[in-house]
Structure formats: C-alpha cells, structure tokens
PDB file of N, CA and C in Angstrom:
ATOM      1  N   MET A   1       0.844  -1.184   0.000  1.00  0.00           N
ATOM      2  CA  MET A   1       0.000   0.000   0.000  1.00  0.00           C
ATOM      3  C   MET A   1       0.888   1.245   0.000  1.00  0.00           C
ATOM      4  N   ALA A   2       0.561   2.195  -0.808  1.00  0.00           N
ATOM      5  CA  ALA A   2       1.337   3.427  -0.905  1.00  0.00           C
ATOM      6  C   ALA A   2       0.845   4.446   0.119  1.00  0.00           C
ATOM      7  N   ALA A   3       1.711   5.386   0.441  1.00  0.00           N
ATOM      8  CA  ALA A   3       1.333   6.471   1.352  1.00  0.00           C
ATOM      9  C   ALA A   3       0.251   7.320   0.703  1.00  0.00           C
ATOM     10  N   LYS A   4      -0.625   7.886   1.556  1.00  0.00           N
ATOM     11  CA  LYS A   4      -1.687   8.726   1.003  1.00  0.00           C
ATOM     12  C   LYS A   4      -2.175   9.743   2.023  1.00  0.00           C
ATOM     13  N   PHE A   5      -2.676  10.833   1.491  1.00  0.00           N
ATOM     14  CA  PHE A   5      -3.409  11.812   2.276  1.00  0.00           C
ATOM     15  C   PHE A   5      -4.877  11.477   2.102  1.00  0.00           C
ATOM     16  N   GLU A   6      -5.586  11.261   3.200  1.00  0.00           N
ATOM     17  CA  GLU A   6      -7.022  11.023   3.146  1.00  0.00           C
ATOM     18  C   GLU A   6      -7.734  12.269   3.661  1.00  0.00           C
ATOM     19  N   ILE A   7      -8.538  12.872   2.798  1.00  0.00           N
ATOM     20  CA  ILE A   7      -9.332  14.036   3.186  1.00  0.00           C
ATOM     21  C   ILE A   7     -10.717  13.554   3.576  1.00  0.00           C
ATOM     22  N   LYS A   8     -11.182  13.988   4.744  1.00  0.00           N
ATOM     23  CA  LYS A   8     -12.510  13.612   5.232  1.00  0.00           C
ATOM     24  C   LYS A   8     -13.329  14.868   5.487  1.00  0.00           C
ATOM     25  N   GLU A   9     -14.643  14.733   5.304  1.00  0.00           N
ATOM     26  CA  GLU A   9     -15.565  15.825   5.611  1.00  0.00           C
ATOM     27  C   GLU A   9     -16.325  15.487   6.881  1.00  0.00           C
ATOM     28  N   SER A  10     -16.499  16.487   7.733  1.00  0.00           N
ATOM     29  CA  SER A  10     -17.279  16.330   8.949  1.00  0.00           C
ATOM     30  C   SER A  10     -17.996  17.637   9.236  1.00  0.00           C
ATOM     31  N   LYS A  11     -19.309  17.580   9.204  1.00  0.00           N
ATOM     32  CA  LYS A  11     -20.144  18.749   9.507  1.00  0.00           C
ATOM     33  C   LYS A  11     -19.770  19.961   8.656  1.00  0.00           C
ATOM     34  N   GLY A  12     -19.526  19.720   7.368  1.00  0.00           N
ATOM     35  CA  GLY A  12     -19.244  20.809   6.444  1.00  0.00           C
ATOM     36  C   GLY A  12     -17.820  21.324   6.475  1.00  0.00           C
ATOM     37  N   LYS A  13     -16.950  20.704   7.256  1.00  0.00           N
ATOM     38  CA  LYS A  13     -15.544  21.094   7.298  1.00  0.00           C
ATOM     39  C   LYS A  13     -14.703  19.899   6.863  1.00  0.00           C
ATOM     40  N   PHE A  14     -13.451  20.170   6.549  1.00  0.00           N
ATOM     41  CA  PHE A  14     -12.573  19.146   6.008  1.00  0.00           C
ATOM     42  C   PHE A  14     -11.278  19.062   6.794  1.00  0.00           C
ATOM     43  N   MET A  15     -10.748  17.848   6.892  1.00  0.00           N
ATOM     44  CA  MET A  15      -9.444  17.624   7.517  1.00  0.00           C
ATOM     45  C   MET A  15      -8.774  16.484   6.772  1.00  0.00           C
ATOM     46  N   PHE A  16      -7.466  16.336   6.982  1.00  0.00           N
ATOM     47  CA  PHE A  16      -6.772  15.231   6.333  1.00  0.00           C
ATOM     48  C   PHE A  16      -5.849  14.515   7.306  1.00  0.00           C
ATOM     49  N   ASN A  17      -5.601  13.254   6.988  1.00  0.00           N
ATOM     50  CA  ASN A  17      -4.602  12.439   7.660  1.00  0.00           C
ATOM     51  C   ASN A  17      -3.589  12.007   6.620  1.00  0.00           C
ATOM     52  N   LEU A  18      -2.319  12.058   6.978  1.00  0.00           N
ATOM     53  CA  LEU A  18      -1.278  11.460   6.155  1.00  0.00           C
ATOM     54  C   LEU A  18      -1.058  10.060   6.699  1.00  0.00           C
ATOM     55  N   LYS A  19      -1.243   9.067   5.837  1.00  0.00           N
ATOM     56  CA  LYS A  19      -1.067   7.677   6.237  1.00  0.00           C
ATOM     57  C   LYS A  19       0.168   7.104   5.548  1.00  0.00           C
ATOM     58  N   ALA A  20       0.975   6.399   6.326  1.00  0.00           N
ATOM     59  CA  ALA A  20       2.146   5.718   5.777  1.00  0.00           C
ATOM     60  C   ALA A  20       1.687   4.512   4.959  1.00  0.00           C
ATOM     61  N   GLY A  21       2.616   3.885   4.284  1.00  0.00           N
ATOM     62  CA  GLY A  21       2.303   2.731   3.458  1.00  0.00           C
ATOM     63  C   GLY A  21       1.671   1.583   4.221  1.00  0.00           C
ATOM     64  N   ASN A  22       1.929   1.504   5.537  1.00  0.00           N
ATOM     65  CA  ASN A  22       1.337   0.438   6.361  1.00  0.00           C
ATOM     66  C   ASN A  22      -0.048   0.810   6.885  1.00  0.00           C
ATOM     67  N   GLY A  23      -0.562   1.980   6.493  1.00  0.00           N
ATOM     68  CA  GLY A  23      -1.891   2.405   6.898  1.00  0.00           C
ATOM     69  C   GLY A  23      -1.953   3.205   8.186  1.00  0.00           C
ATOM     70  N   GLU A  24      -0.825   3.371   8.872  1.00  0.00           N
ATOM     71  CA  GLU A  24      -0.820   4.132  10.124  1.00  0.00           C
ATOM     72  C   GLU A  24      -0.878   5.631   9.847  1.00  0.00           C
ATOM     73  N   VAL A  25      -1.674   6.338  10.648  1.00  0.00           N
ATOM     74  CA  VAL A  25      -1.751   7.790  10.554  1.00  0.00           C
ATOM     75  C   VAL A  25      -0.475   8.369  11.165  1.00  0.00           C
ATOM     76  N   ILE A  26       0.223   9.187  10.389  1.00  0.00           N
ATOM     77  CA  ILE A  26       1.461   9.786  10.889  1.00  0.00           C
ATOM     78  C   ILE A  26       1.372  11.298  11.042  1.00  0.00           C
ATOM     79  N   LEU A  27       0.311  11.902  10.511  1.00  0.00           N
ATOM     80  CA  LEU A  27       0.126  13.349  10.659  1.00  0.00           C
ATOM     81  C   LEU A  27      -1.350  13.665  10.453  1.00  0.00           C
ATOM     82  N   THR A  28      -1.900  14.536  11.288  1.00  0.00           N
ATOM     83  CA  THR A  28      -3.301  14.938  11.215  1.00  0.00           C
ATOM     84  C   THR A  28      -3.385  16.457  11.128  1.00  0.00           C
ATOM     85  N   SER A  29      -4.261  16.934  10.279  1.00  0.00           N
ATOM     86  CA  SER A  29      -4.417  18.384  10.090  1.00  0.00           C
ATOM     87  C   SER A  29      -5.453  18.963  11.037  1.00  0.00           C
ATOM     88  N   GLN A  30      -5.572  20.264  10.958  1.00  0.00           N
ATOM     89  CA  GLN A  30      -6.664  20.990  11.604  1.00  0.00           C
ATOM     90  C   GLN A  30      -7.906  20.844  10.735  1.00  0.00           C
ATOM     91  N   MET A  31      -9.012  21.413  11.158  1.00  0.00           N
ATOM     92  CA  MET A  31     -10.228  21.443  10.346  1.00  0.00           C
ATOM     93  C   MET A  31     -10.167  22.663   9.427  1.00  0.00           C
ATOM     94  N   TYR A  32     -10.584  22.469   8.191  1.00  0.00           N
ATOM     95  CA  TYR A  32     -10.608  23.547   7.200  1.00  0.00           C
ATOM     96  C   TYR A  32     -12.050  23.805   6.786  1.00  0.00           C
ATOM     97  N   LYS A  33     -12.350  25.053   6.412  1.00  0.00           N
ATOM     98  CA  LYS A  33     -13.705  25.434   6.036  1.00  0.00           C
ATOM     99  C   LYS A  33     -14.107  24.918   4.663  1.00  0.00           C
ATOM    100  N   ALA A  34     -13.138  24.611   3.813  1.00  0.00           N
ATOM    101  CA  ALA A  34     -13.453  24.171   2.452  1.00  0.00           C
ATOM    102  C   ALA A  34     -12.451  23.115   1.991  1.00  0.00           C
ATOM    103  N   LEU A  35     -12.872  22.289   1.073  1.00  0.00           N
ATOM    104  CA  LEU A  35     -12.019  21.254   0.510  1.00  0.00           C
ATOM    105  C   LEU A  35     -10.754  21.863  -0.111  1.00  0.00           C
ATOM    106  N   ALA A  36     -10.915  22.974  -0.799  1.00  0.00           N
ATOM    107  CA  ALA A  36      -9.765  23.621  -1.438  1.00  0.00           C
ATOM    108  C   ALA A  36      -8.707  24.017  -0.401  1.00  0.00           C
ATOM    109  N   TYR A  37      -9.140  24.455   0.779  1.00  0.00           N
ATOM    110  CA  TYR A  37      -8.185  24.826   1.830  1.00  0.00           C
ATOM    111  C   TYR A  37      -7.453  23.592   2.368  1.00  0.00           C
ATOM    112  N   ALA A  38      -8.160  22.480   2.479  1.00  0.00           N
ATOM    113  CA  ALA A  38      -7.514  21.237   2.918  1.00  0.00           C
ATOM    114  C   ALA A  38      -6.461  20.811   1.904  1.00  0.00           C
ATOM    115  N   LYS A  39      -6.769  20.952   0.620  1.00  0.00           N
ATOM    116  CA  LYS A  39      -5.804  20.603  -0.418  1.00  0.00           C
ATOM    117  C   LYS A  39      -4.591  21.526  -0.371  1.00  0.00           C
ATOM    118  N   ARG A  40      -4.801  22.779  -0.052  1.00  0.00           N
ATOM    119  CA  ARG A  40      -3.662  23.707   0.123  1.00  0.00           C
ATOM    120  C   ARG A  40      -2.824  23.304   1.327  1.00  0.00           C
ATOM    121  N   GLY A  41      -3.492  22.835   2.368  1.00  0.00           N
ATOM    122  CA  GLY A  41      -2.773  22.343   3.546  1.00  0.00           C
ATOM    123  C   GLY A  41      -1.886  21.159   3.195  1.00  0.00           C
ATOM    124  N   ILE A  42      -2.391  20.261   2.379  1.00  0.00           N
ATOM    125  CA  ILE A  42      -1.605  19.112   1.926  1.00  0.00           C
ATOM    126  C   ILE A  42      -0.391  19.587   1.129  1.00  0.00           C
ATOM    127  N   ALA A  43      -0.600  20.530   0.235  1.00  0.00           N
ATOM    128  CA  ALA A  43       0.522  21.070  -0.552  1.00  0.00           C
ATOM    129  C   ALA A  43       1.570  21.684   0.367  1.00  0.00           C
ATOM    130  N   SER A  44       1.125  22.334   1.430  1.00  0.00           N
ATOM    131  CA  SER A  44       2.045  22.931   2.388  1.00  0.00           C
ATOM    132  C   SER A  44       2.823  21.861   3.146  1.00  0.00           C
ATOM    133  N   VAL A  45       2.160  20.770   3.518  1.00  0.00           N
ATOM    134  CA  VAL A  45       2.854  19.653   4.170  1.00  0.00           C
ATOM    135  C   VAL A  45       3.921  19.112   3.234  1.00  0.00           C
ATOM    136  N   GLN A  46       3.549  18.891   1.980  1.00  0.00           N
ATOM    137  CA  GLN A  46       4.502  18.335   1.019  1.00  0.00           C
ATOM    138  C   GLN A  46       5.711  19.256   0.835  1.00  0.00           C
ATOM    139  N   LYS A  47       5.476  20.534   0.845  1.00  0.00           N
ATOM    140  CA  LYS A  47       6.553  21.510   0.655  1.00  0.00           C
ATOM    141  C   LYS A  47       7.449  21.612   1.894  1.00  0.00           C
ATOM    142  N   ASN A  48       6.855  21.592   3.066  1.00  0.00           N
ATOM    143  CA  ASN A  48       7.606  21.849   4.295  1.00  0.00           C
ATOM    144  C   ASN A  48       8.198  20.608   4.954  1.00  0.00           C
ATOM    145  N   ALA A  49       7.747  19.421   4.575  1.00  0.00           N
ATOM    146  CA  ALA A  49       8.198  18.192   5.233  1.00  0.00           C
ATOM    147  C   ALA A  49       9.690  17.918   5.049  1.00  0.00           C
ATOM    148  N   ALA A  50      10.287  18.450   4.017  1.00  0.00           N
ATOM    149  CA  ALA A  50      11.706  18.203   3.760  1.00  0.00           C
ATOM    150  C   ALA A  50      12.627  19.021   4.668  1.00  0.00           C
ATOM    151  N   ASP A  51      12.078  20.006   5.348  1.00  0.00           N
ATOM    152  CA  ASP A  51      12.882  20.945   6.140  1.00  0.00           C
ATOM    153  C   ASP A  51      12.813  20.589   7.630  1.00  0.00           C
ATOM    154  N   ASP A  52      13.929  20.127   8.184  1.00  0.00           N
ATOM    155  CA  ASP A  52      13.979  19.764   9.607  1.00  0.00           C
ATOM    156  C   ASP A  52      13.525  20.904  10.513  1.00  0.00           C
ATOM    157  N   ALA A  53      13.802  22.128  10.108  1.00  0.00           N
ATOM    158  CA  ALA A  53      13.468  23.289  10.937  1.00  0.00           C
ATOM    159  C   ALA A  53      11.961  23.490  11.071  1.00  0.00           C
ATOM    160  N   ARG A  54      11.174  22.861  10.218  1.00  0.00           N
ATOM    161  CA  ARG A  54       9.710  23.018  10.262  1.00  0.00           C
ATOM    162  C   ARG A  54       9.054  22.089  11.284  1.00  0.00           C
ATOM    163  N   PHE A  55       9.814  21.135  11.818  1.00  0.00           N
ATOM    164  CA  PHE A  55       9.277  20.210  12.817  1.00  0.00           C
ATOM    165  C   PHE A  55       9.603  20.722  14.212  1.00  0.00           C
ATOM    166  N   GLU A  56       8.601  20.731  15.066  1.00  0.00           N
ATOM    167  CA  GLU A  56       8.789  21.140  16.452  1.00  0.00           C
ATOM    168  C   GLU A  56       8.377  19.983  17.358  1.00  0.00           C
ATOM    169  N   CYS A  57       9.311  19.548  18.193  1.00  0.00           N
ATOM    170  CA  CYS A  57       9.062  18.443  19.115  1.00  0.00           C
ATOM    171  C   CYS A  57       8.473  18.986  20.409  1.00  0.00           C
ATOM    172  N   LYS A  58       7.467  18.281  20.931  1.00  0.00           N
ATOM    173  CA  LYS A  58       6.771  18.720  22.134  1.00  0.00           C
ATOM    174  C   LYS A  58       6.534  17.538  23.065  1.00  0.00           C
ATOM    175  N   THR A  59       6.180  17.854  24.303  1.00  0.00           N
ATOM    176  CA  THR A  59       5.841  16.830  25.283  1.00  0.00           C
ATOM    177  C   THR A  59       4.394  17.032  25.713  1.00  0.00           C
ATOM    178  N   ALA A  60       3.608  15.968  25.648  1.00  0.00           N
ATOM    179  CA  ALA A  60       2.203  16.009  26.067  1.00  0.00           C
ATOM    180  C   ALA A  60       2.122  15.976  27.589  1.00  0.00           C
ATOM    181  N   LYS A  61       0.940  16.265  28.119  1.00  0.00           N
ATOM    182  CA  LYS A  61       0.727  16.268  29.569  1.00  0.00           C
ATOM    183  C   LYS A  61       1.031  14.921  30.209  1.00  0.00           C
ATOM    184  N   ASN A  62       0.843  13.848  29.440  1.00  0.00           N
ATOM    185  CA  ASN A  62       1.102  12.513  29.990  1.00  0.00           C
ATOM    186  C   ASN A  62       2.579  12.106  29.895  1.00  0.00           C
ATOM    187  N   GLY A  63       3.409  13.022  29.415  1.00  0.00           N
ATOM    188  CA  GLY A  63       4.845  12.775  29.328  1.00  0.00           C
ATOM    189  C   GLY A  63       5.301  12.182  28.012  1.00  0.00           C
ATOM    190  N   GLU A  64       4.369  11.810  27.134  1.00  0.00           N
ATOM    191  CA  GLU A  64       4.753  11.265  25.840  1.00  0.00           C
ATOM    192  C   GLU A  64       5.137  12.403  24.887  1.00  0.00           C
ATOM    193  N   MET A  65       5.847  12.047  23.845  1.00  0.00           N
ATOM    194  CA  MET A  65       6.351  13.021  22.883  1.00  0.00           C
ATOM    195  C   MET A  65       5.426  13.070  21.664  1.00  0.00           C
ATOM    196  N   PHE A  66       5.378  14.249  21.019  1.00  0.00           N
ATOM    197  CA  PHE A  66       4.701  14.393  19.738  1.00  0.00           C
ATOM    198  C   PHE A  66       5.374  15.526  18.989  1.00  0.00           C
ATOM    199  N   PHE A  67       5.030  15.678  17.725  1.00  0.00           N
ATOM    200  CA  PHE A  67       5.605  16.770  16.949  1.00  0.00           C
ATOM    201  C   PHE A  67       4.521  17.482  16.164  1.00  0.00           C
ATOM    202  N   VAL A  68       4.821  18.719  15.813  1.00  0.00           N
ATOM    203  CA  VAL A  68       3.971  19.479  14.903  1.00  0.00           C
ATOM    204  C   VAL A  68       4.838  19.890  13.714  1.00  0.00           C
ATOM    205  N   LEU A  69       4.203  20.026  12.572  1.00  0.00           N
ATOM    206  CA  LEU A  69       4.857  20.510  11.372  1.00  0.00           C
ATOM    207  C   LEU A  69       4.302  21.896  11.104  1.00  0.00           C
ATOM    208  N   LYS A  70       5.212  22.851  10.943  1.00  0.00           N
ATOM    209  CA  LYS A  70       4.803  24.237  10.741  1.00  0.00           C
ATOM    210  C   LYS A  70       5.184  24.726   9.347  1.00  0.00           C
ATOM    211  N   ALA A  71       4.363  25.628   8.822  1.00  0.00           N
ATOM    212  CA  ALA A  71       4.651  26.283   7.558  1.00  0.00           C
ATOM    213  C   ALA A  71       5.670  27.403   7.792  1.00  0.00           C
ATOM    214  N   ARG A  72       6.107  28.030   6.730  1.00  0.00           N
ATOM    215  CA  ARG A  72       7.082  29.129   6.851  1.00  0.00           C
ATOM    216  C   ARG A  72       6.569  30.267   7.722  1.00  0.00           C
ATOM    217  N   ASN A  73       5.240  30.468   7.743  1.00  0.00           N
ATOM    218  CA  ASN A  73       4.651  31.542   8.553  1.00  0.00           C
ATOM    219  C   ASN A  73       4.432  31.118  10.004  1.00  0.00           C
ATOM    220  N   ALA A  74       4.963  29.961  10.384  1.00  0.00           N
ATOM    221  CA  ALA A  74       4.894  29.406  11.748  1.00  0.00           C
ATOM    222  C   ALA A  74       3.526  28.838  12.112  1.00  0.00           C
ATOM    223  N   GLN A  75       2.609  28.771  11.166  1.00  0.00           N
ATOM    224  CA  GLN A  75       1.294  28.174  11.425  1.00  0.00           C
ATOM    225  C   GLN A  75       1.423  26.654  11.411  1.00  0.00           C
ATOM    226  N   VAL A  76       0.802  26.001  12.387  1.00  0.00           N
ATOM    227  CA  VAL A  76       0.826  24.541  12.450  1.00  0.00           C
ATOM    228  C   VAL A  76      -0.044  23.979  11.325  1.00  0.00           C
ATOM    229  N   ILE A  77       0.538  23.075  10.533  1.00  0.00           N
ATOM    230  CA  ILE A  77      -0.212  22.462   9.438  1.00  0.00           C
ATOM    231  C   ILE A  77      -0.473  20.981   9.676  1.00  0.00           C
ATOM    232  N   GLY A  78       0.128  20.432  10.709  1.00  0.00           N
ATOM    233  CA  GLY A  78      -0.126  19.041  11.042  1.00  0.00           C
ATOM    234  C   GLY A  78       0.452  18.679  12.393  1.00  0.00           C
ATOM    235  N   LYS A  79      -0.162  17.677  13.016  1.00  0.00           N
ATOM    236  CA  LYS A  79       0.248  17.217  14.343  1.00  0.00           C
ATOM    237  C   LYS A  79       0.315  15.693  14.327  1.00  0.00           C
ATOM    238  N   SER A  80       1.289  15.156  15.039  1.00  0.00           N
ATOM    239  CA  SER A  80       1.435  13.700  15.104  1.00  0.00           C
ATOM    240  C   SER A  80       0.623  13.126  16.247  1.00  0.00           C
ATOM    241  N   GLU A  81       0.613  11.801  16.292  1.00  0.00           N
ATOM    242  CA  GLU A  81       0.113  11.109  17.469  1.00  0.00           C
ATOM    243  C   GLU A  81       1.177  11.250  18.558  1.00  0.00           C
ATOM    244  N   THR A  82       0.916  10.735  19.751  1.00  0.00           N
ATOM    245  CA  THR A  82       1.944  10.757  20.790  1.00  0.00           C
ATOM    246  C   THR A  82       2.765   9.475  20.717  1.00  0.00           C
ATOM    247  N   TYR A  83       4.014   9.603  21.129  1.00  0.00           N
ATOM    248  CA  TYR A  83       4.961   8.484  21.099  1.00  0.00           C
ATOM    249  C   TYR A  83       5.546   8.306  22.494  1.00  0.00           C
ATOM    250  N   PRO A  84       5.834   7.059  22.886  1.00  0.00           N
ATOM    251  CA  PRO A  84       6.362   6.815  24.231  1.00  0.00           C
ATOM    252  C   PRO A  84       7.808   7.268  24.423  1.00  0.00           C
ATOM    253  N   THR A  85       8.561   7.379  23.329  1.00  0.00           N
ATOM    254  CA  THR A  85       9.965   7.771  23.440  1.00  0.00           C
ATOM    255  C   THR A  85      10.326   8.785  22.360  1.00  0.00           C
ATOM    256  N   LYS A  86      11.427   9.478  22.594  1.00  0.00           N
ATOM    257  CA  LYS A  86      11.924  10.438  21.610  1.00  0.00           C
ATOM    258  C   LYS A  86      12.334   9.709  20.330  1.00  0.00           C
ATOM    259  N   ALA A  87      12.943   8.539  20.475  1.00  0.00           N
ATOM    260  CA  ALA A  87      13.364   7.772  19.299  1.00  0.00           C
ATOM    261  C   ALA A  87      12.167   7.394  18.427  1.00  0.00           C
ATOM    262  N   ALA A  88      11.073   6.988  19.045  1.00  0.00           N
ATOM    263  CA  ALA A  88       9.864   6.640  18.295  1.00  0.00           C
ATOM    264  C   ALA A  88       9.309   7.869  17.588  1.00  0.00           C
ATOM    265  N   MET A  89       9.335   9.017  18.256  1.00  0.00           N
ATOM    266  CA  MET A  89       8.859  10.258  17.647  1.00  0.00           C
ATOM    267  C   MET A  89       9.735  10.619  16.440  1.00  0.00           C
ATOM    268  N   GLU A  90      11.039  10.451  16.583  1.00  0.00           N
ATOM    269  CA  GLU A  90      11.945  10.758  15.473  1.00  0.00           C
ATOM    270  C   GLU A  90      11.684   9.851  14.269  1.00  0.00           C
ATOM    271  N   LYS A  91      11.283   8.613  14.510  1.00  0.00           N
ATOM    272  CA  LYS A  91      10.898   7.720  13.415  1.00  0.00           C
ATOM    273  C   LYS A  91       9.636   8.242  12.736  1.00  0.00           C
ATOM    274  N   GLY A  92       8.711   8.812  13.532  1.00  0.00           N
ATOM    275  CA  GLY A  92       7.500   9.411  12.971  1.00  0.00           C
ATOM    276  C   GLY A  92       7.829  10.584  12.066  1.00  0.00           C
ATOM    277  N   ILE A  93       8.758  11.432  12.503  1.00  0.00           N
ATOM    278  CA  ILE A  93       9.191  12.573  11.686  1.00  0.00           C
ATOM    279  C   ILE A  93       9.813  12.067  10.383  1.00  0.00           C
ATOM    280  N   ALA A  94      10.669  11.062  10.491  1.00  0.00           N
ATOM    281  CA  ALA A  94      11.305  10.496   9.292  1.00  0.00           C
ATOM    282  C   ALA A  94      10.260   9.939   8.336  1.00  0.00           C
ATOM    283  N   SER A  95       9.213   9.340   8.880  1.00  0.00           N
ATOM    284  CA  SER A  95       8.150   8.791   8.048  1.00  0.00           C
ATOM    285  C   SER A  95       7.397   9.895   7.311  1.00  0.00           C
ATOM    286  N   VAL A  96       7.126  11.008   7.989  1.00  0.00           N
ATOM    287  CA  VAL A  96       6.470  12.143   7.325  1.00  0.00           C
ATOM    288  C   VAL A  96       7.367  12.670   6.214  1.00  0.00           C
ATOM    289  N   LYS A  97       8.649  12.837   6.498  1.00  0.00           N
ATOM    290  CA  LYS A  97       9.584  13.352   5.497  1.00  0.00           C
ATOM    291  C   LYS A  97       9.654  12.449   4.266  1.00  0.00           C
ATOM    292  N   LYS A  98       9.588  11.147   4.492  1.00  0.00           N
ATOM    293  CA  LYS A  98       9.672  10.174   3.404  1.00  0.00           C
ATOM    294  C   LYS A  98       8.369  10.097   2.617  1.00  0.00           C
ATOM    295  N   ASN A  99       7.242  10.068   3.320  1.00  0.00           N
ATOM    296  CA  ASN A  99       5.956   9.788   2.685  1.00  0.00           C
ATOM    297  C   ASN A  99       5.220  10.997   2.128  1.00  0.00           C
ATOM    298  N   ALA A 100       5.310  12.148   2.766  1.00  0.00           N
ATOM    299  CA  ALA A 100       4.519  13.312   2.333  1.00  0.00           C
ATOM    300  C   ALA A 100       4.765  13.706   0.877  1.00  0.00           C
ATOM    301  N   PRO A 101       6.014  13.758   0.425  1.00  0.00           N
ATOM    302  CA  PRO A 101       6.226  14.210  -0.956  1.00  0.00           C
ATOM    303  C   PRO A 101       5.656  13.285  -2.030  1.00  0.00           C
ATOM    304  N   VAL A 102       5.479  12.007  -1.720  1.00  0.00           N
ATOM    305  CA  VAL A 102       5.037  11.048  -2.736  1.00  0.00           C
ATOM    306  C   VAL A 102       3.622  10.524  -2.519  1.00  0.00           C
ATOM    307  N   ALA A 103       2.984  10.953  -1.452  1.00  0.00           N
ATOM    308  CA  ALA A 103       1.646  10.455  -1.116  1.00  0.00           C
ATOM    309  C   ALA A 103       0.598  10.942  -2.117  1.00  0.00           C
ATOM    310  N   THR A 104      -0.326  10.055  -2.438  1.00  0.00           N
ATOM    311  CA  THR A 104      -1.453  10.431  -3.276  1.00  0.00           C
ATOM    312  C   THR A 104      -2.512  11.096  -2.391  1.00  0.00           C
ATOM    313  N   VAL A 105      -3.449  11.787  -3.010  1.00  0.00           N
ATOM    314  CA  VAL A 105      -4.528  12.459  -2.275  1.00  0.00           C
ATOM    315  C   VAL A 105      -5.844  11.788  -2.616  1.00  0.00           C
ATOM    316  N   VAL A 106      -6.575  11.387  -1.561  1.00  0.00           N
ATOM    317  CA  VAL A 106      -7.845  10.697  -1.730  1.00  0.00           C
ATOM    318  C   VAL A 106      -8.896  11.422  -0.895  1.00  0.00           C
ATOM    319  N   VAL A 107     -10.032  11.736  -1.480  1.00  0.00           N
ATOM    320  CA  VAL A 107     -11.143  12.320  -0.752  1.00  0.00           C
ATOM    321  C   VAL A 107     -12.099  11.182  -0.424  1.00  0.00           C
ATOM    322  N   ILE A 108     -12.357  10.966   0.868  1.00  0.00           N
ATOM    323  CA  ILE A 108     -13.257   9.872   1.250  1.00  0.00           C
ATOM    324  C   ILE A 108     -14.521  10.389   1.904  1.00  0.00           C
TER     325      ILE A 108
END
C-alpha cells in the first residue's frame, strides 16, 4: 500500500490524515472550512516536510512526545500522534519526510 493523504468531511468542514504505506496515521491536520483549503494544507505539508526546521518536538501532559509541522509563517499544518519515546517520535518525523512528498490524495 502506498502512502496517502485522506481528506474527510465532517459537519461541512474538512481535515486530512497522512497515512504511511502500512496504513498508520502519521500526521493529522486541523479542520478547514473548504475542501480547497484542505488541499492547500496538503501542498504545504509536502513543501515543508523536507525541512527539519519546520518540525517542532513537544511533550504532552502525559509525558509522551509528539511533533507538529509548521509552515514558513509558523502556522501549524499538522500534528502527530503521541509516542512513548523520543526515538519513536523521530521515526514518525522520518516517516512524514519520506511519505509526504510522494503520497497520493484521496477524498473519502
């Protein structure tokens, strides 16, 4: 299975998940008011994923690690799940960097 961005609609708004080839969600977007905005968000992920400086590592309240991907204007364009270790989180970042540029876009 190839990596893909899945765009979903909920209550008239749109969001996307970036899924790795194994089907795991590796990045989730915010809600967008229109499908076109969600597609722009995907383009921004694809553009910014190659730049290490766009990833910000954070710690959740439960002590687990997660990351956000930011655009050049510092706006968050995607957030990861939480990971039990920094090493696991770094693998998640590597997966986004590898998969985002080649992922197909599917509206479901």
